[in-house]
Amino acid sequence: MTNLHVRTPSSHDINPRPPKRARISSSSSSVHSQPSSSPSTITDTRTFQRLPPITLLLSLPGLLYHPPSHPHHLKSLWFGRVALKKALKMELEAGEECRAWTGLVELGVLWLDACGGTKEWEIGEVEGALGRALVISQKHPSLRLYTPHLTMLSARLSLIHAQNPKLAAHILRRSVTSSPSMYPLHMQAHLHLELIHVLESSSADISKPLAALGGLSSALGPLCGLIRLQMFVMRGLWAEVPQALEEAEALFPAVSPPTTPEPDPASSASAANESKTEEIKQNIPPTLRAHLLTLGVLFHTYAGDAVAAGTRLGALHALMDTGVLDPTSKNQD
C-alpha cells in the first residue's frame, strides 16, 4: 500500500501557503458562501416600478440635453424632438399634450438659435407647435401657467428669427396688460423684463424701455434701479449716469459712504430706517451687488474720480474674495 506524502506547512517551506482571509462580517460571508448552483436562494428585496412610456418620452429631452458649447448639442436636440413626436402619437391627457408641444417649441427655438432654419427643422414647424400649445393652455384653466412661458417663446421667435420687434413687443405688452392678476408675481415680473429687453434692443428711443421699467413691482426697486443705470451706460448717456448711480446705490447700498452719520438712539424712525437698510443689504443677491459695483468703478474711472473708483473697487474685491459667486462655495447668499 502506497503511503501518500502529505505536505504540512513548516518554517522550512520555500513557498508557504498564504494565510486565509479573515472574515469581515457574517452577513457578507453568508451571501458569498451560497453555492452558485442555487441562485434562487439570494433574494433582492428592492422592487422597481416600470416607468410608463409617456413619462419616459416626455423626460428624455431634459435627460439628453447638452449645452450649446457641447459638440453633441444639436444631436441632443434632435433626439429630444424624436422622443416628443413619438409621445404625441400616443393617447395623452391635456397636460401631457401641452407639455409635449411646449417641449417641441423649446427645442425648436434652441435649434434655430444654433443653426437657423433648416430643411430638417423650419421655423414654421416651431410656430405650429407653439400655436397648438397655446390653444391647449388657454382652453384648460389648470394649464394657464404655460401661457406666459409660451408668450415669451413667441416673442423670442418674432424678435430674433422673424426680425419683427414690433410684433414681439405687441405680444408681450398685450400679455402684461390684459390680465395681470391671472399669473403669479414672478411670472408677471418675467414678462415685464422680457418686454423691457425687447424695447431696449430694438428701439432707438430710450423713453420706451424706461416707461416699461416703471411698470415693474415696487418690490423689485433695486433691480429696476440697476437696469436703468445699465441702460444709460450702454447707450453712452454719461450725463444721466451720476444720478442713476446714486439712486441705485441708495436702493441697495453696495458701497458704504465714506462718512456715515451716527443714528440717534432716541429716534425710532432712524432705528427703523437703519434696520430696513440692513435687511435690504442682506437680501440683495451677490450678482446684483457685483454688477452695481462694476458699473460704479467703470463710471468713476471714466470721470477721473480715483477715490470713488478705488472705494468701489475695494468693495468689489472684498465681495469676490468671500466666494459668494462660486457655485461650489458655502458662503453663497
C-alpha atoms as a PDB file:
ATOM      1  CA  MET A   1       0.000   0.000   0.000  1.00  0.00           C
ATOM      2  CA  THR A   2       1.450   3.280  -1.084  1.00  0.00           C
ATOM      3  CA  ASN A   3       1.986   5.932   1.524  1.00  0.00           C
ATOM      4  CA  LEU A   4       0.839   9.354   0.419  1.00  0.00           C
ATOM      5  CA  HIS A   5       3.137  12.162   1.351  1.00  0.00           C
ATOM      6  CA  VAL A   6       1.127  14.960   2.904  1.00  0.00           C
ATOM      7  CA  ARG A   7       2.811  18.316   2.895  1.00  0.00           C
ATOM      8  CA  THR A   8       2.492  20.198   6.153  1.00  0.00           C
ATOM      9  CA  PRO A   9       3.423  23.860   6.499  1.00  0.00           C
ATOM     10  CA  SER A  10       6.649  24.498   8.316  1.00  0.00           C
ATOM     11  CA  SER A  11       9.235  27.188   8.610  1.00  0.00           C
ATOM     12  CA  HIS A  12      11.420  25.391   6.047  1.00  0.00           C
ATOM     13  CA  ASP A  13       8.854  25.686   3.213  1.00  0.00           C
ATOM     14  CA  ILE A  14      10.082  27.659   0.274  1.00  0.00           C
ATOM     15  CA  ASN A  15       6.539  28.639  -0.816  1.00  0.00           C
ATOM     16  CA  PRO A  16       4.381  28.557   2.283  1.00  0.00           C
ATOM     17  CA  ARG A  17       0.610  28.589   1.874  1.00  0.00           C
ATOM     18  CA  PRO A  18      -0.823  32.120   2.291  1.00  0.00           C
ATOM     19  CA  PRO A  19      -2.985  32.619   5.340  1.00  0.00           C
ATOM     20  CA  LYS A  20      -6.739  32.606   4.950  1.00  0.00           C
ATOM     21  CA  ARG A  21      -8.535  35.932   4.629  1.00  0.00           C
ATOM     22  CA  ALA A  22     -10.201  36.992   7.839  1.00  0.00           C
ATOM     23  CA  ARG A  23     -13.975  37.077   7.891  1.00  0.00           C
ATOM     24  CA  ILE A  24     -15.256  40.640   7.680  1.00  0.00           C
ATOM     25  CA  SER A  25     -18.884  40.177   8.612  1.00  0.00           C
ATOM     26  CA  SER A  26     -21.261  37.330   8.973  1.00  0.00           C
ATOM     27  CA  SER A  27     -23.836  38.847   6.614  1.00  0.00           C
ATOM     28  CA  SER A  28     -21.422  39.328   3.728  1.00  0.00           C
ATOM     29  CA  SER A  29     -19.819  35.920   4.196  1.00  0.00           C
ATOM     30  CA  SER A  30     -23.185  34.202   4.280  1.00  0.00           C
ATOM     31  CA  VAL A  31     -24.113  35.784   0.964  1.00  0.00           C
ATOM     32  CA  HIS A  32     -20.829  34.864  -0.715  1.00  0.00           C
ATOM     33  CA  SER A  33     -20.917  31.365   0.698  1.00  0.00           C
ATOM     34  CA  GLN A  34     -24.085  30.499  -1.207  1.00  0.00           C
ATOM     35  CA  PRO A  35     -23.423  27.906  -3.925  1.00  0.00           C
ATOM     36  CA  SER A  36     -23.555  29.178  -7.484  1.00  0.00           C
ATOM     37  CA  SER A  37     -25.891  26.339  -8.446  1.00  0.00           C
ATOM     38  CA  SER A  38     -28.802  27.807  -6.478  1.00  0.00           C
ATOM     39  CA  PRO A  39     -29.075  31.495  -7.317  1.00  0.00           C
ATOM     40  CA  SER A  40     -32.739  31.481  -6.367  1.00  0.00           C
ATOM     41  CA  THR A  41     -31.793  31.428  -2.704  1.00  0.00           C
ATOM     42  CA  ILE A  42     -30.468  35.021  -2.984  1.00  0.00           C
ATOM     43  CA  THR A  43     -33.466  37.326  -2.979  1.00  0.00           C
ATOM     44  CA  ASP A  44     -33.379  41.059  -3.723  1.00  0.00           C
ATOM     45  CA  THR A  45     -35.931  42.899  -1.642  1.00  0.00           C
ATOM     46  CA  ARG A  46     -35.771  46.034  -3.837  1.00  0.00           C
ATOM     47  CA  THR A  47     -38.633  46.476  -6.248  1.00  0.00           C
ATOM     48  CA  PHE A  48     -38.616  48.880  -9.185  1.00  0.00           C
ATOM     49  CA  GLN A  49     -41.736  50.031 -10.921  1.00  0.00           C
ATOM     50  CA  ARG A  50     -41.678  50.230 -14.671  1.00  0.00           C
ATOM     51  CA  LEU A  51     -41.960  53.779 -15.951  1.00  0.00           C
ATOM     52  CA  PRO A  52     -44.923  54.473 -18.201  1.00  0.00           C
ATOM     53  CA  PRO A  53     -43.729  55.028 -21.782  1.00  0.00           C
ATOM     54  CA  ILE A  54     -45.243  58.512 -21.911  1.00  0.00           C
ATOM     55  CA  THR A  55     -43.371  59.569 -18.768  1.00  0.00           C
ATOM     56  CA  LEU A  56     -40.090  58.350 -20.209  1.00  0.00           C
ATOM     57  CA  LEU A  57     -40.653  60.009 -23.577  1.00  0.00           C
ATOM     58  CA  LEU A  58     -41.547  63.360 -22.025  1.00  0.00           C
ATOM     59  CA  SER A  59     -38.492  63.220 -19.758  1.00  0.00           C
ATOM     60  CA  LEU A  60     -35.974  62.230 -22.426  1.00  0.00           C
ATOM     61  CA  PRO A  61     -35.368  65.756 -23.866  1.00  0.00           C
ATOM     62  CA  GLY A  62     -34.237  67.028 -20.477  1.00  0.00           C
ATOM     63  CA  LEU A  63     -32.110  63.949 -19.828  1.00  0.00           C
ATOM     64  CA  LEU A  64     -30.440  64.083 -23.242  1.00  0.00           C
ATOM     65  CA  TYR A  65     -29.891  67.840 -23.416  1.00  0.00           C
ATOM     66  CA  HIS A  66     -26.348  69.160 -23.835  1.00  0.00           C
ATOM     67  CA  PRO A  67     -25.417  72.870 -23.625  1.00  0.00           C
ATOM     68  CA  PRO A  68     -24.671  74.835 -26.822  1.00  0.00           C
ATOM     69  CA  SER A  69     -20.920  74.593 -26.244  1.00  0.00           C
ATOM     70  CA  HIS A  70     -21.044  70.776 -26.319  1.00  0.00           C
ATOM     71  CA  PRO A  71     -20.264  69.014 -29.631  1.00  0.00           C
ATOM     72  CA  HIS A  72     -23.417  66.896 -29.285  1.00  0.00           C
ATOM     73  CA  HIS A  73     -25.745  69.847 -28.635  1.00  0.00           C
ATOM     74  CA  LEU A  74     -27.649  69.548 -31.928  1.00  0.00           C
ATOM     75  CA  LYS A  75     -27.798  65.781 -31.644  1.00  0.00           C
ATOM     76  CA  SER A  76     -29.371  66.038 -28.189  1.00  0.00           C
ATOM     77  CA  LEU A  77     -31.997  68.446 -29.527  1.00  0.00           C
ATOM     78  CA  TRP A  78     -32.752  66.122 -32.430  1.00  0.00           C
ATOM     79  CA  PHE A  79     -33.254  63.017 -30.295  1.00  0.00           C
ATOM     80  CA  GLY A  80     -35.377  65.003 -27.859  1.00  0.00           C
ATOM     81  CA  ARG A  81     -37.556  66.039 -30.785  1.00  0.00           C
ATOM     82  CA  VAL A  82     -37.901  62.406 -31.890  1.00  0.00           C
ATOM     83  CA  ALA A  83     -38.996  61.390 -28.376  1.00  0.00           C
ATOM     84  CA  LEU A  84     -41.623  64.137 -28.152  1.00  0.00           C
ATOM     85  CA  LYS A  85     -43.018  63.378 -31.598  1.00  0.00           C
ATOM     86  CA  LYS A  86     -43.340  59.731 -30.661  1.00  0.00           C
ATOM     87  CA  ALA A  87     -45.140  60.775 -27.471  1.00  0.00           C
ATOM     88  CA  LEU A  88     -47.623  62.852 -29.464  1.00  0.00           C
ATOM     89  CA  LYS A  89     -48.678  59.750 -31.392  1.00  0.00           C
ATOM     90  CA  MET A  90     -49.950  58.185 -28.161  1.00  0.00           C
ATOM     91  CA  GLU A  91     -53.151  58.848 -26.236  1.00  0.00           C
ATOM     92  CA  LEU A  92     -52.334  61.794 -23.976  1.00  0.00           C
ATOM     93  CA  GLU A  93     -54.076  63.847 -21.369  1.00  0.00           C
ATOM     94  CA  ALA A  94     -54.318  67.597 -21.844  1.00  0.00           C
ATOM     95  CA  GLY A  95     -51.392  68.327 -19.528  1.00  0.00           C
ATOM     96  CA  GLU A  96     -49.149  65.764 -21.198  1.00  0.00           C
ATOM     97  CA  GLU A  97     -50.017  67.008 -24.670  1.00  0.00           C
ATOM     98  CA  CYS A  98     -49.377  70.617 -23.679  1.00  0.00           C
ATOM     99  CA  ARG A  99     -46.044  69.631 -22.180  1.00  0.00           C
ATOM    100  CA  ALA A 100     -45.050  67.773 -25.346  1.00  0.00           C
ATOM    101  CA  TRP A 101     -45.924  70.679 -27.676  1.00  0.00           C
ATOM    102  CA  THR A 102     -44.186  73.146 -25.346  1.00  0.00           C
ATOM    103  CA  GLY A 103     -41.087  70.954 -25.351  1.00  0.00           C
ATOM    104  CA  LEU A 104     -41.070  70.937 -29.143  1.00  0.00           C
ATOM    105  CA  VAL A 105     -41.197  74.746 -29.132  1.00  0.00           C
ATOM    106  CA  GLU A 106     -38.322  74.987 -26.653  1.00  0.00           C
ATOM    107  CA  LEU A 107     -36.163  72.557 -28.604  1.00  0.00           C
ATOM    108  CA  GLY A 108     -37.053  74.265 -31.877  1.00  0.00           C
ATOM    109  CA  VAL A 109     -36.045  77.679 -30.566  1.00  0.00           C
ATOM    110  CA  LEU A 110     -32.720  76.268 -29.365  1.00  0.00           C
ATOM    111  CA  TRP A 111     -32.188  74.651 -32.777  1.00  0.00           C
ATOM    112  CA  LEU A 112     -32.922  77.923 -34.563  1.00  0.00           C
ATOM    113  CA  ASP A 113     -30.570  79.759 -32.214  1.00  0.00           C
ATOM    114  CA  ALA A 114     -27.794  77.316 -33.056  1.00  0.00           C
ATOM    115  CA  CYS A 115     -28.063  76.989 -36.821  1.00  0.00           C
ATOM    116  CA  GLY A 116     -31.122  78.913 -38.022  1.00  0.00           C
ATOM    117  CA  GLY A 117     -33.944  77.444 -40.043  1.00  0.00           C
ATOM    118  CA  THR A 118     -33.024  74.307 -41.986  1.00  0.00           C
ATOM    119  CA  LYS A 119     -34.965  71.847 -44.072  1.00  0.00           C
ATOM    120  CA  GLU A 120     -34.820  69.416 -41.150  1.00  0.00           C
ATOM    121  CA  TRP A 121     -36.335  71.904 -38.703  1.00  0.00           C
ATOM    122  CA  GLU A 122     -38.003  75.011 -40.105  1.00  0.00           C
ATOM    123  CA  ILE A 123     -39.437  77.950 -38.221  1.00  0.00           C
ATOM    124  CA  GLY A 124     -42.917  77.078 -39.485  1.00  0.00           C
ATOM    125  CA  GLU A 125     -42.855  73.795 -37.585  1.00  0.00           C
ATOM    126  CA  VAL A 126     -41.904  75.618 -34.384  1.00  0.00           C
ATOM    127  CA  GLU A 127     -44.684  78.160 -34.866  1.00  0.00           C
ATOM    128  CA  GLY A 128     -47.200  75.345 -35.467  1.00  0.00           C
ATOM    129  CA  ALA A 129     -46.211  73.625 -32.213  1.00  0.00           C
ATOM    130  CA  LEU A 130     -46.431  76.979 -30.437  1.00  0.00           C
ATOM    131  CA  GLY A 131     -49.989  77.534 -31.675  1.00  0.00           C
ATOM    132  CA  ARG A 132     -51.137  74.092 -30.552  1.00  0.00           C
ATOM    133  CA  ALA A 133     -49.605  74.528 -27.097  1.00  0.00           C
ATOM    134  CA  LEU A 134     -51.215  77.958 -26.663  1.00  0.00           C
ATOM    135  CA  VAL A 135     -54.646  76.618 -27.614  1.00  0.00           C
ATOM    136  CA  ILE A 136     -54.422  73.830 -25.030  1.00  0.00           C
ATOM    137  CA  SER A 137     -53.078  76.082 -22.264  1.00  0.00           C
ATOM    138  CA  GLN A 138     -55.808  78.678 -22.802  1.00  0.00           C
ATOM    139  CA  LYS A 139     -58.547  76.064 -23.029  1.00  0.00           C
ATOM    140  CA  HIS A 140     -57.787  74.398 -19.676  1.00  0.00           C
ATOM    141  CA  PRO A 141     -57.609  76.673 -16.593  1.00  0.00           C
ATOM    142  CA  SER A 142     -55.274  74.259 -14.817  1.00  0.00           C
ATOM    143  CA  LEU A 143     -52.680  74.773 -17.589  1.00  0.00           C
ATOM    144  CA  ARG A 144     -52.770  78.571 -17.725  1.00  0.00           C
ATOM    145  CA  LEU A 145     -49.258  78.809 -16.228  1.00  0.00           C
ATOM    146  CA  TYR A 146     -47.939  77.543 -19.569  1.00  0.00           C
ATOM    147  CA  THR A 147     -49.308  80.665 -21.296  1.00  0.00           C
ATOM    148  CA  PRO A 148     -46.735  83.277 -20.120  1.00  0.00           C
ATOM    149  CA  HIS A 149     -43.865  80.933 -20.924  1.00  0.00           C
ATOM    150  CA  LEU A 150     -45.248  80.274 -24.388  1.00  0.00           C
ATOM    151  CA  THR A 151     -45.843  84.003 -24.845  1.00  0.00           C
ATOM    152  CA  MET A 152     -42.175  84.733 -24.181  1.00  0.00           C
ATOM    153  CA  LEU A 153     -41.138  81.994 -26.603  1.00  0.00           C
ATOM    154  CA  SER A 154     -43.424  83.533 -29.233  1.00  0.00           C
ATOM    155  CA  ALA A 155     -41.889  86.970 -28.678  1.00  0.00           C
ATOM    156  CA  ARG A 156     -38.423  85.484 -28.975  1.00  0.00           C
ATOM    157  CA  LEU A 157     -39.304  83.877 -32.289  1.00  0.00           C
ATOM    158  CA  SER A 158     -40.665  87.180 -33.571  1.00  0.00           C
ATOM    159  CA  LEU A 159     -37.692  89.221 -32.361  1.00  0.00           C
ATOM    160  CA  ILE A 160     -34.727  87.039 -33.298  1.00  0.00           C
ATOM    161  CA  HIS A 161     -35.839  84.757 -36.104  1.00  0.00           C
ATOM    162  CA  ALA A 162     -38.699  86.639 -37.778  1.00  0.00           C
ATOM    163  CA  GLN A 163     -36.907  90.001 -37.334  1.00  0.00           C
ATOM    164  CA  ASN A 164     -40.150  91.657 -36.222  1.00  0.00           C
ATOM    165  CA  PRO A 165     -39.502  93.528 -32.938  1.00  0.00           C
ATOM    166  CA  LYS A 166     -42.802  95.434 -33.132  1.00  0.00           C
ATOM    167  CA  LEU A 167     -44.742  92.181 -33.126  1.00  0.00           C
ATOM    168  CA  ALA A 168     -42.633  90.852 -30.231  1.00  0.00           C
ATOM    169  CA  ALA A 169     -43.302  93.996 -28.177  1.00  0.00           C
ATOM    170  CA  HIS A 170     -47.015  93.861 -29.023  1.00  0.00           C
ATOM    171  CA  ILE A 171     -47.283  90.219 -27.914  1.00  0.00           C
ATOM    172  CA  LEU A 172     -45.600  90.907 -24.580  1.00  0.00           C
ATOM    173  CA  ARG A 173     -47.413  94.189 -23.896  1.00  0.00           C
ATOM    174  CA  ARG A 174     -50.775  92.569 -24.536  1.00  0.00           C
ATOM    175  CA  SER A 175     -49.932  89.734 -22.154  1.00  0.00           C
ATOM    176  CA  VAL A 176     -48.741  92.182 -19.477  1.00  0.00           C
ATOM    177  CA  THR A 177     -51.778  94.473 -19.613  1.00  0.00           C
ATOM    178  CA  SER A 178     -54.576  92.016 -20.412  1.00  0.00           C
ATOM    179  CA  SER A 179     -54.999  90.105 -17.164  1.00  0.00           C
ATOM    180  CA  PRO A 180     -52.027  90.559 -14.830  1.00  0.00           C
ATOM    181  CA  SER A 181     -53.779  89.009 -11.822  1.00  0.00           C
ATOM    182  CA  MET A 182     -54.002  85.623 -13.559  1.00  0.00           C
ATOM    183  CA  TYR A 183     -50.306  84.844 -13.116  1.00  0.00           C
ATOM    184  CA  PRO A 184     -48.041  84.760 -10.052  1.00  0.00           C
ATOM    185  CA  LEU A 185     -45.904  87.804  -9.323  1.00  0.00           C
ATOM    186  CA  HIS A 186     -42.675  86.216 -10.515  1.00  0.00           C
ATOM    187  CA  MET A 187     -44.234  85.412 -13.898  1.00  0.00           C
ATOM    188  CA  GLN A 188     -45.582  88.957 -14.233  1.00  0.00           C
ATOM    189  CA  ALA A 189     -42.101  90.286 -13.478  1.00  0.00           C
ATOM    190  CA  HIS A 190     -40.591  87.913 -16.019  1.00  0.00           C
ATOM    191  CA  LEU A 191     -42.981  89.181 -18.711  1.00  0.00           C
ATOM    192  CA  HIS A 192     -42.140  92.783 -17.824  1.00  0.00           C
ATOM    193  CA  LEU A 193     -38.410  92.109 -18.010  1.00  0.00           C
ATOM    194  CA  GLU A 194     -38.789  90.392 -21.369  1.00  0.00           C
ATOM    195  CA  LEU A 195     -40.746  93.415 -22.682  1.00  0.00           C
ATOM    196  CA  ILE A 196     -38.021  95.768 -21.423  1.00  0.00           C
ATOM    197  CA  HIS A 197     -35.385  93.646 -23.167  1.00  0.00           C
ATOM    198  CA  VAL A 198     -37.292  93.734 -26.463  1.00  0.00           C
ATOM    199  CA  LEU A 199     -37.789  97.508 -26.308  1.00  0.00           C
ATOM    200  CA  GLU A 200     -34.200  98.149 -25.254  1.00  0.00           C
ATOM    201  CA  SER A 201     -32.706  96.021 -28.032  1.00  0.00           C
ATOM    202  CA  SER A 202     -34.946  97.289 -30.829  1.00  0.00           C
ATOM    203  CA  SER A 203     -35.836 100.897 -30.026  1.00  0.00           C
ATOM    204  CA  ALA A 204     -33.567 103.894 -30.502  1.00  0.00           C
ATOM    205  CA  ASP A 205     -35.728 105.906 -28.098  1.00  0.00           C
ATOM    206  CA  ILE A 206     -34.786 105.187 -24.501  1.00  0.00           C
ATOM    207  CA  SER A 207     -38.084 106.564 -23.209  1.00  0.00           C
ATOM    208  CA  LYS A 208     -39.958 103.404 -24.270  1.00  0.00           C
ATOM    209  CA  PRO A 209     -37.942 100.898 -22.190  1.00  0.00           C
ATOM    210  CA  LEU A 210     -37.835 103.397 -19.301  1.00  0.00           C
ATOM    211  CA  ALA A 211     -41.628 103.645 -19.373  1.00  0.00           C
ATOM    212  CA  ALA A 212     -41.923  99.856 -19.362  1.00  0.00           C
ATOM    213  CA  LEU A 213     -39.458  99.738 -16.481  1.00  0.00           C
ATOM    214  CA  GLY A 214     -41.844 101.835 -14.394  1.00  0.00           C
ATOM    215  CA  GLY A 215     -44.466  99.091 -14.610  1.00  0.00           C
ATOM    216  CA  LEU A 216     -42.473  96.658 -12.503  1.00  0.00           C
ATOM    217  CA  SER A 217     -43.440  95.933  -8.937  1.00  0.00           C
ATOM    218  CA  SER A 218     -42.052  98.207  -6.234  1.00  0.00           C
ATOM    219  CA  ALA A 219     -40.574  95.111  -4.583  1.00  0.00           C
ATOM    220  CA  LEU A 220     -38.103  94.984  -7.486  1.00  0.00           C
ATOM    221  CA  GLY A 221     -36.818  98.509  -6.821  1.00  0.00           C
ATOM    222  CA  PRO A 222     -33.126  97.557  -6.616  1.00  0.00           C
ATOM    223  CA  LEU A 223     -33.334  95.604  -9.858  1.00  0.00           C
ATOM    224  CA  CYS A 224     -35.151  98.491 -11.591  1.00  0.00           C
ATOM    225  CA  GLY A 225     -32.502 100.950 -10.480  1.00  0.00           C
ATOM    226  CA  LEU A 226     -29.736  98.693 -11.760  1.00  0.00           C
ATOM    227  CA  ILE A 227     -31.435  98.158 -15.139  1.00  0.00           C
ATOM    228  CA  ARG A 228     -31.984 101.902 -15.522  1.00  0.00           C
ATOM    229  CA  LEU A 229     -28.330 102.569 -14.773  1.00  0.00           C
ATOM    230  CA  GLN A 230     -27.252  99.902 -17.246  1.00  0.00           C
ATOM    231  CA  MET A 231     -29.388 101.468 -19.998  1.00  0.00           C
ATOM    232  CA  PHE A 232     -27.633 104.803 -19.607  1.00  0.00           C
ATOM    233  CA  VAL A 233     -24.171 103.213 -19.545  1.00  0.00           C
ATOM    234  CA  MET A 234     -24.788 101.018 -22.593  1.00  0.00           C
ATOM    235  CA  ARG A 235     -26.093 103.978 -24.619  1.00  0.00           C
ATOM    236  CA  GLY A 236     -23.247 106.243 -23.514  1.00  0.00           C
ATOM    237  CA  LEU A 237     -25.553 108.771 -21.831  1.00  0.00           C
ATOM    238  CA  TRP A 238     -22.906 109.731 -19.285  1.00  0.00           C
ATOM    239  CA  ALA A 239     -24.706 112.900 -18.197  1.00  0.00           C
ATOM    240  CA  GLU A 240     -27.542 110.751 -16.812  1.00  0.00           C
ATOM    241  CA  VAL A 241     -25.297 108.190 -15.135  1.00  0.00           C
ATOM    242  CA  PRO A 242     -24.332 110.072 -11.912  1.00  0.00           C
ATOM    243  CA  GLN A 243     -27.902 110.494 -10.717  1.00  0.00           C
ATOM    244  CA  ALA A 244     -28.885 106.974 -11.794  1.00  0.00           C
ATOM    245  CA  LEU A 245     -25.848 105.532 -10.000  1.00  0.00           C
ATOM    246  CA  GLU A 246     -26.632 107.495  -6.846  1.00  0.00           C
ATOM    247  CA  GLU A 247     -30.249 106.320  -6.885  1.00  0.00           C
ATOM    248  CA  ALA A 248     -29.244 102.710  -7.484  1.00  0.00           C
ATOM    249  CA  GLU A 249     -26.729 102.725  -4.638  1.00  0.00           C
ATOM    250  CA  ALA A 250     -29.372 104.274  -2.378  1.00  0.00           C
ATOM    251  CA  LEU A 251     -31.785 101.438  -3.184  1.00  0.00           C
ATOM    252  CA  PHE A 252     -29.218  98.884  -2.047  1.00  0.00           C
ATOM    253  CA  PRO A 253     -26.071 100.490  -0.637  1.00  0.00           C
ATOM    254  CA  ALA A 254     -23.463  98.196  -2.104  1.00  0.00           C
ATOM    255  CA  VAL A 255     -20.827 100.772  -1.143  1.00  0.00           C
ATOM    256  CA  SER A 256     -20.920 102.315   2.284  1.00  0.00           C
ATOM    257  CA  PRO A 257     -20.490 106.093   2.025  1.00  0.00           C
ATOM    258  CA  PRO A 258     -17.184 107.487   3.362  1.00  0.00           C
ATOM    259  CA  THR A 259     -18.909 109.431   6.161  1.00  0.00           C
ATOM    260  CA  THR A 260     -21.946 107.807   7.701  1.00  0.00           C
ATOM    261  CA  PRO A 261     -23.782 109.889  10.305  1.00  0.00           C
ATOM    262  CA  GLU A 262     -24.377 108.145  13.610  1.00  0.00           C
ATOM    263  CA  PRO A 263     -28.088 107.297  14.074  1.00  0.00           C
ATOM    264  CA  ASP A 264     -29.854 108.890  17.011  1.00  0.00           C
ATOM    265  CA  PRO A 265     -30.704 106.135  19.533  1.00  0.00           C
ATOM    266  CA  ALA A 266     -33.688 108.112  20.742  1.00  0.00           C
ATOM    267  CA  SER A 267     -35.210 108.354  17.315  1.00  0.00           C
ATOM    268  CA  SER A 268     -37.392 105.354  16.465  1.00  0.00           C
ATOM    269  CA  ALA A 269     -37.590 106.441  12.821  1.00  0.00           C
ATOM    270  CA  SER A 270     -33.814 106.361  12.442  1.00  0.00           C
ATOM    271  CA  ALA A 271     -33.664 102.924  14.032  1.00  0.00           C
ATOM    272  CA  ALA A 272     -36.396 101.632  11.723  1.00  0.00           C
ATOM    273  CA  ASN A 273     -34.657 103.022   8.643  1.00  0.00           C
ATOM    274  CA  GLU A 274     -31.349 101.529   9.742  1.00  0.00           C
ATOM    275  CA  SER A 275     -32.980  98.133  10.272  1.00  0.00           C
ATOM    276  CA  LYS A 276     -34.681  98.288   6.868  1.00  0.00           C
ATOM    277  CA  THR A 277     -31.436  99.261   5.142  1.00  0.00           C
ATOM    278  CA  GLU A 278     -29.592  96.397   6.802  1.00  0.00           C
ATOM    279  CA  GLU A 279     -32.334  93.971   5.765  1.00  0.00           C
ATOM    280  CA  ILE A 280     -32.059  95.150   2.151  1.00  0.00           C
ATOM    281  CA  LYS A 281     -28.304  94.622   2.251  1.00  0.00           C
ATOM    282  CA  GLN A 282     -28.757  91.050   3.416  1.00  0.00           C
ATOM    283  CA  ASN A 283     -31.390  90.171   0.801  1.00  0.00           C
ATOM    284  CA  ILE A 284     -29.677  91.577  -2.289  1.00  0.00           C
ATOM    285  CA  PRO A 285     -28.239  88.786  -4.469  1.00  0.00           C
ATOM    286  CA  PRO A 286     -24.445  88.946  -4.742  1.00  0.00           C
ATOM    287  CA  THR A 287     -24.608  89.038  -8.539  1.00  0.00           C
ATOM    288  CA  LEU A 288     -26.547  92.323  -8.444  1.00  0.00           C
ATOM    289  CA  ARG A 289     -24.141  93.813  -5.915  1.00  0.00           C
ATOM    290  CA  ALA A 290     -21.160  92.827  -8.054  1.00  0.00           C
ATOM    291  CA  HIS A 291     -22.801  94.244 -11.183  1.00  0.00           C
ATOM    292  CA  LEU A 292     -23.561  97.567  -9.489  1.00  0.00           C
ATOM    293  CA  LEU A 293     -20.028  97.846  -8.132  1.00  0.00           C
ATOM    294  CA  THR A 294     -18.588  97.118 -11.575  1.00  0.00           C
ATOM    295  CA  LEU A 295     -20.700  99.857 -13.171  1.00  0.00           C
ATOM    296  CA  GLY A 296     -19.664 102.253 -10.389  1.00  0.00           C
ATOM    297  CA  VAL A 297     -15.975 101.527 -10.945  1.00  0.00           C
ATOM    298  CA  LEU A 298     -16.424 101.950 -14.700  1.00  0.00           C
ATOM    299  CA  PHE A 299     -18.149 105.318 -14.420  1.00  0.00           C
ATOM    300  CA  HIS A 300     -15.874 106.853 -11.784  1.00  0.00           C
ATOM    301  CA  THR A 301     -12.814 105.698 -13.704  1.00  0.00           C
ATOM    302  CA  TYR A 302     -14.261 107.363 -16.811  1.00  0.00           C
ATOM    303  CA  ALA A 303     -14.974 110.530 -14.790  1.00  0.00           C
ATOM    304  CA  GLY A 304     -11.472 110.543 -13.300  1.00  0.00           C
ATOM    305  CA  ASP A 305     -12.553 110.223  -9.652  1.00  0.00           C
ATOM    306  CA  ALA A 306      -9.867 107.899  -8.307  1.00  0.00           C
ATOM    307  CA  VAL A 307     -11.137 107.953  -4.721  1.00  0.00           C
ATOM    308  CA  ALA A 308     -14.690 106.891  -5.598  1.00  0.00           C
ATOM    309  CA  ALA A 309     -13.441 104.310  -8.082  1.00  0.00           C
ATOM    310  CA  GLY A 310     -10.968 102.882  -5.563  1.00  0.00           C
ATOM    311  CA  THR A 311     -13.627 102.641  -2.845  1.00  0.00           C
ATOM    312  CA  ARG A 312     -15.938 100.636  -5.071  1.00  0.00           C
ATOM    313  CA  LEU A 313     -13.103  98.527  -6.446  1.00  0.00           C
ATOM    314  CA  GLY A 314     -12.063  97.591  -2.920  1.00  0.00           C
ATOM    315  CA  ALA A 315     -15.639  96.655  -2.067  1.00  0.00           C
ATOM    316  CA  LEU A 316     -15.839  94.593  -5.252  1.00  0.00           C
ATOM    317  CA  HIS A 317     -12.642  92.702  -4.392  1.00  0.00           C
ATOM    318  CA  ALA A 318     -13.910  92.083  -0.857  1.00  0.00           C
ATOM    319  CA  LEU A 319     -17.166  90.728  -2.260  1.00  0.00           C
ATOM    320  CA  MET A 320     -15.405  88.425  -4.695  1.00  0.00           C
ATOM    321  CA  ASP A 321     -12.997  87.160  -2.025  1.00  0.00           C
ATOM    322  CA  THR A 322     -15.898  85.854   0.056  1.00  0.00           C
ATOM    323  CA  GLY A 323     -16.652  83.286  -2.658  1.00  0.00           C
ATOM    324  CA  VAL A 324     -20.321  84.233  -2.987  1.00  0.00           C
ATOM    325  CA  LEU A 325     -20.150  83.918  -6.761  1.00  0.00           C
ATOM    326  CA  ASP A 326     -18.504  80.500  -6.644  1.00  0.00           C
ATOM    327  CA  PRO A 327     -21.202  77.815  -7.145  1.00  0.00           C
ATOM    328  CA  THR A 328     -19.173  75.368  -5.040  1.00  0.00           C
ATOM    329  CA  SER A 329     -18.666  77.765  -2.169  1.00  0.00           C
ATOM    330  CA  LYS A 330     -20.559  77.501   1.105  1.00  0.00           C
ATOM    331  CA  ASN A 331     -20.596  81.290   1.519  1.00  0.00           C
ATOM    332  CA  GLN A 332     -23.247  81.952  -1.066  1.00  0.00           C
ATOM    333  CA  ASP A 333     -26.114  84.206  -0.082  1.00  0.00           C
END
